[in-house]
Protein backbone atom coordinates (compact mmCIF):
# COMPACT_ATOMS: atom_id res chain seq x y z
CA UNK A 1 0.00 0.00 0.00
CA UNK A 2 2.79 2.40 0.95
CA UNK A 3 4.55 1.66 -2.35
CA UNK A 4 1.40 2.56 -4.29
CA UNK A 5 1.05 5.83 -2.39
CA UNK A 6 4.73 6.58 -2.93
CA UNK A 7 4.42 5.91 -6.67
CA UNK A 8 1.40 8.19 -6.89
CA UNK A 9 3.21 10.96 -5.04
CA UNK A 10 6.17 10.64 -7.39
CA UNK A 11 3.82 10.69 -10.38
CA UNK A 12 2.08 13.83 -9.14
CA UNK A 13 5.41 15.48 -8.33
CA UNK A 14 6.70 14.68 -11.80
CA UNK A 15 3.58 16.13 -13.39
CA UNK A 16 3.93 19.32 -11.33
CA UNK A 17 7.58 19.68 -12.33
CA UNK A 18 6.79 19.20 -16.02
CA UNK A 19 3.96 21.72 -15.76
CA UNK A 20 6.22 24.26 -14.04
CA UNK A 21 8.90 23.77 -16.68
CA UNK A 22 6.41 24.23 -19.50
CA UNK A 23 5.14 27.40 -17.85
CA UNK A 24 8.70 28.72 -17.62
CA UNK A 25 9.31 28.05 -21.31
CA UNK A 26 6.06 29.81 -22.15
CA UNK A 27 7.19 32.81 -20.09
CA UNK A 28 10.32 33.04 -22.24
CA UNK A 29 8.07 33.80 -25.20
CA UNK A 30 6.62 36.88 -23.45
CA UNK A 31 3.16 35.70 -24.57
CA UNK A 32 1.34 39.03 -24.28
CA UNK A 33 3.91 40.86 -26.40
CA UNK A 34 4.21 38.00 -28.89
CA UNK A 35 0.44 37.73 -29.21
CA UNK A 36 0.29 41.46 -29.96
CA UNK A 37 2.91 40.97 -32.68
CA UNK A 38 0.95 38.04 -34.10
CA UNK A 39 -2.27 40.06 -34.01
CA UNK A 40 -0.55 42.91 -35.89
CA UNK A 41 0.55 40.45 -38.57
CA UNK A 42 -2.99 39.12 -38.85
CA UNK A 43 -4.38 42.66 -39.00
CA UNK A 44 -2.08 43.59 -41.87
CA UNK A 45 -2.98 40.38 -43.70
CA UNK A 46 -6.70 41.01 -43.25
CA UNK A 47 -6.44 44.57 -44.56
CA UNK A 48 -4.62 43.46 -47.69
CA UNK A 49 -6.53 40.24 -48.38
CA UNK A 50 -10.02 41.74 -47.90
CA UNK A 51 -12.56 39.35 -49.42
CA UNK A 52 -9.82 36.94 -50.58
CA UNK A 53 -8.83 36.07 -47.03
CA UNK A 54 -7.45 32.54 -46.65
CA UNK A 55 -8.16 31.33 -43.12
CA UNK A 56 -5.46 28.66 -43.20
CA UNK A 57 -2.82 31.20 -44.21
CA UNK A 58 -4.13 33.66 -41.63
CA UNK A 59 -3.87 31.09 -38.83
CA UNK A 60 -0.40 29.91 -39.81
CA UNK A 61 0.82 33.49 -40.30
CA UNK A 62 -0.42 34.31 -36.80
CA UNK A 63 1.31 31.23 -35.37
CA UNK A 64 4.51 31.96 -37.28
CA UNK A 65 4.47 35.57 -36.12
CA UNK A 66 3.95 34.51 -32.51
CA UNK A 67 6.87 32.08 -32.61
CA UNK A 68 9.12 34.56 -34.44
CA UNK A 69 8.46 37.18 -31.78
CA UNK A 70 8.88 34.59 -29.04
CA UNK A 71 12.25 33.49 -30.42
CA UNK A 72 13.42 37.11 -30.66
CA UNK A 73 12.49 38.03 -27.09
CA UNK A 74 13.97 34.75 -25.87
CA UNK A 75 17.30 35.63 -27.51
CA UNK A 76 17.00 39.07 -25.93
CA UNK A 77 16.66 37.47 -22.49
CA UNK A 78 19.64 35.21 -23.16
CA UNK A 79 21.84 38.18 -24.07
CA UNK A 80 20.61 40.29 -21.15
CA UNK A 81 20.52 37.51 -18.55
CA UNK A 82 23.09 39.17 -16.27
CA UNK A 83 21.39 42.55 -16.58
CA UNK A 84 17.97 41.05 -15.85
CA UNK A 85 19.28 39.95 -12.46
CA UNK A 86 19.91 43.60 -11.56
CA UNK A 87 16.41 44.90 -12.29
CA UNK A 88 13.35 44.44 -10.11
CA UNK A 89 11.00 44.05 -13.08
CA UNK A 90 13.08 41.30 -14.71
CA UNK A 91 14.91 39.42 -11.96
CA UNK A 92 12.10 36.88 -11.64
CA UNK A 93 12.32 35.82 -15.29
CA UNK A 94 13.02 32.13 -16.05
CA UNK A 95 16.74 32.49 -16.83
CA UNK A 96 17.83 34.69 -13.88
CA UNK A 97 15.90 32.46 -11.47
CA UNK A 98 17.40 29.29 -12.94
CA UNK A 99 14.02 27.82 -13.85
CA UNK A 100 15.38 27.52 -17.39
CA UNK A 101 19.08 26.98 -17.95
CA UNK A 102 21.06 28.98 -20.49
CA UNK A 103 21.47 25.99 -22.82
CA UNK A 104 17.78 25.16 -22.56
CA UNK A 105 16.87 28.73 -23.46
CA UNK A 106 19.25 28.73 -26.44
CA UNK A 107 17.82 25.46 -27.74
CA UNK A 108 14.26 26.69 -27.23
CA UNK A 109 14.95 29.95 -29.08
CA UNK A 110 16.50 28.14 -32.05
CA UNK A 111 13.60 25.67 -32.25
CA UNK A 112 11.00 28.45 -32.13
CA UNK A 113 12.86 30.46 -34.76
CA UNK A 114 13.23 27.49 -37.10
CA UNK A 115 9.58 26.48 -36.75
CA UNK A 116 8.44 30.04 -37.42
CA UNK A 117 10.59 30.33 -40.54
CA UNK A 118 9.39 26.94 -41.82
CA UNK A 119 5.76 27.96 -41.27
CA UNK A 120 6.21 31.31 -42.99
CA UNK A 121 8.12 29.70 -45.87
CA UNK A 122 5.30 27.24 -46.51
CA UNK A 123 2.30 29.52 -46.08
CA UNK A 124 3.53 32.96 -47.17
CA UNK A 125 6.27 34.06 -49.56
CA UNK A 126 10.00 34.70 -49.76
CA UNK A 127 9.75 38.44 -49.11
CA UNK A 128 7.80 37.84 -45.91
CA UNK A 129 10.41 35.34 -44.73
CA UNK A 130 13.33 37.66 -45.51
CA UNK A 131 11.77 40.62 -43.70
CA UNK A 132 10.87 38.35 -40.77
CA UNK A 133 14.51 37.32 -40.41
CA UNK A 134 15.62 40.95 -40.68
CA UNK A 135 13.14 41.85 -37.94
CA UNK A 136 14.45 39.10 -35.64
CA UNK A 137 18.09 40.06 -36.23
CA UNK A 138 17.45 43.78 -35.68
CA UNK A 139 15.60 43.20 -32.43
CA UNK A 140 17.81 40.50 -30.95
CA UNK A 141 21.30 41.45 -32.10
CA UNK A 142 21.18 45.19 -32.86
CA UNK A 143 18.52 46.79 -30.67
CA UNK A 144 19.40 44.70 -27.61
CA UNK A 145 23.08 45.76 -27.28
CA UNK A 146 22.29 49.34 -28.35
CA UNK A 147 20.07 49.79 -25.29
CA UNK A 148 23.23 50.45 -23.28
CA UNK A 149 24.68 52.79 -25.91
CA UNK A 150 22.03 55.48 -26.18
CA UNK A 151 18.61 56.57 -27.48
CA UNK A 152 19.57 55.41 -31.00
CA UNK A 153 18.35 52.02 -29.76
CA UNK A 154 14.78 53.30 -29.86
CA UNK A 155 15.10 54.19 -33.56
CA UNK A 156 16.51 50.75 -34.35
CA UNK A 157 13.95 48.97 -32.16
CA UNK A 158 11.12 50.87 -33.83
CA UNK A 159 11.85 49.09 -37.12
CA UNK A 160 11.07 45.51 -35.98
CA UNK A 161 8.31 46.99 -33.83
CA UNK A 162 6.63 48.42 -36.93
CA UNK A 163 7.20 45.46 -39.26
CA UNK A 164 4.43 43.01 -38.16
CA UNK A 165 1.49 44.66 -40.02
CA UNK A 166 3.76 45.14 -43.04
CA UNK A 167 4.65 41.44 -42.92
CA UNK A 168 0.97 40.57 -42.86
CA UNK A 169 0.30 42.80 -45.86
CA UNK A 170 3.17 41.28 -47.82
CA UNK A 171 2.03 37.77 -46.88
CA UNK A 172 -1.27 38.57 -48.60
CA UNK A 173 0.02 40.49 -51.62
CA UNK A 174 3.62 39.41 -52.13
CA UNK A 175 4.73 43.00 -52.58
CA UNK A 176 5.40 46.25 -50.72
CA UNK A 177 2.79 48.78 -51.79
CA UNK A 178 2.43 52.42 -50.79
CA UNK A 179 -0.53 51.45 -48.58
CA UNK A 180 1.72 49.00 -46.76
CA UNK A 181 4.36 51.67 -46.24
CA UNK A 182 1.77 54.05 -44.80
CA UNK A 183 0.78 51.40 -42.24
CA UNK A 184 4.45 50.77 -41.49
CA UNK A 185 5.06 54.50 -41.07
CA UNK A 186 2.18 54.94 -38.63
CA UNK A 187 3.35 51.96 -36.58
CA UNK A 188 6.95 53.17 -36.73
CA UNK A 189 6.10 56.62 -35.37
CA UNK A 190 4.00 55.07 -32.61
CA UNK A 191 6.99 53.07 -31.38
CA UNK A 192 8.77 56.17 -30.06
CA UNK A 193 6.24 57.29 -27.42
CA UNK A 194 5.67 53.62 -26.62
CA UNK A 195 9.38 52.94 -25.96
CA UNK A 196 9.86 56.22 -24.11
CA UNK A 197 6.83 55.69 -21.88
CA UNK A 198 8.16 52.30 -20.78
CA UNK A 199 11.67 53.71 -20.31
CA UNK A 200 10.34 56.62 -18.24
CA UNK A 201 8.33 54.37 -15.92
CA UNK A 202 11.22 51.89 -15.55
CA UNK A 203 13.96 54.55 -15.42
CA UNK A 204 15.29 53.56 -11.99
CA UNK A 205 15.50 49.92 -13.02
CA UNK A 206 17.03 50.75 -16.39
CA UNK A 207 19.77 52.77 -14.70
CA UNK A 208 20.82 49.65 -12.77
CA UNK A 209 21.39 47.87 -16.08
CA UNK A 210 22.90 50.88 -17.82
CA UNK A 211 20.07 51.26 -20.34
CA UNK A 212 19.90 54.68 -22.00
CA UNK A 213 16.67 54.85 -23.97
CA UNK A 214 15.33 58.26 -22.96
CA UNK A 215 16.32 61.20 -25.20
CA UNK A 216 17.28 63.40 -22.23
CA UNK A 217 20.58 61.70 -21.49
CA UNK A 218 18.98 58.49 -20.30
CA UNK A 219 17.07 59.96 -17.37
CA UNK A 220 13.71 61.43 -16.47
CA UNK A 221 14.96 64.97 -15.90
């Protein structure tokens, strides 16, 4: 009887651990942000496709956009893992807390990126895939290190931030039209007050990590 109880306890414990691990991986994707990116892609696709909307393409584009964003923010957390430990708003993330190891995070980011590119390659077009890769590279490997250099990071970060609706439009049409560029421009301009608002609220935390995103010398004053 005691062996049966022990086995059940071990089974429950194992299930809890797996569930906690899965939750930690999901956190790495920053689901709210990634869902917003995916929604923006879908919005751009819907605007361009109009009555010719393909629901299968729309769904897979949304999934691909979510995973692409998730991979990008995961890489961002890998690069900034030591800085995240310094800030109150980020020190409880999966990597700083050890809930996900560095190697696990790297593997997860690569898998998500590969799956997203495969999905976009199958269901969209080459131009969408190329711009998606450019977006991921700009966010993960250019914007991320520039955050400690100066406000130029906001300009660079605004590009991948504005690309999702453009990607959706291109996924539907296969080309960059002037309508698509207008949507991109509106989204691009919006990124600046968005970035600055976050930087202003988190200024004290950002100073701990050496981030300089605000135009006034990296501070509120």
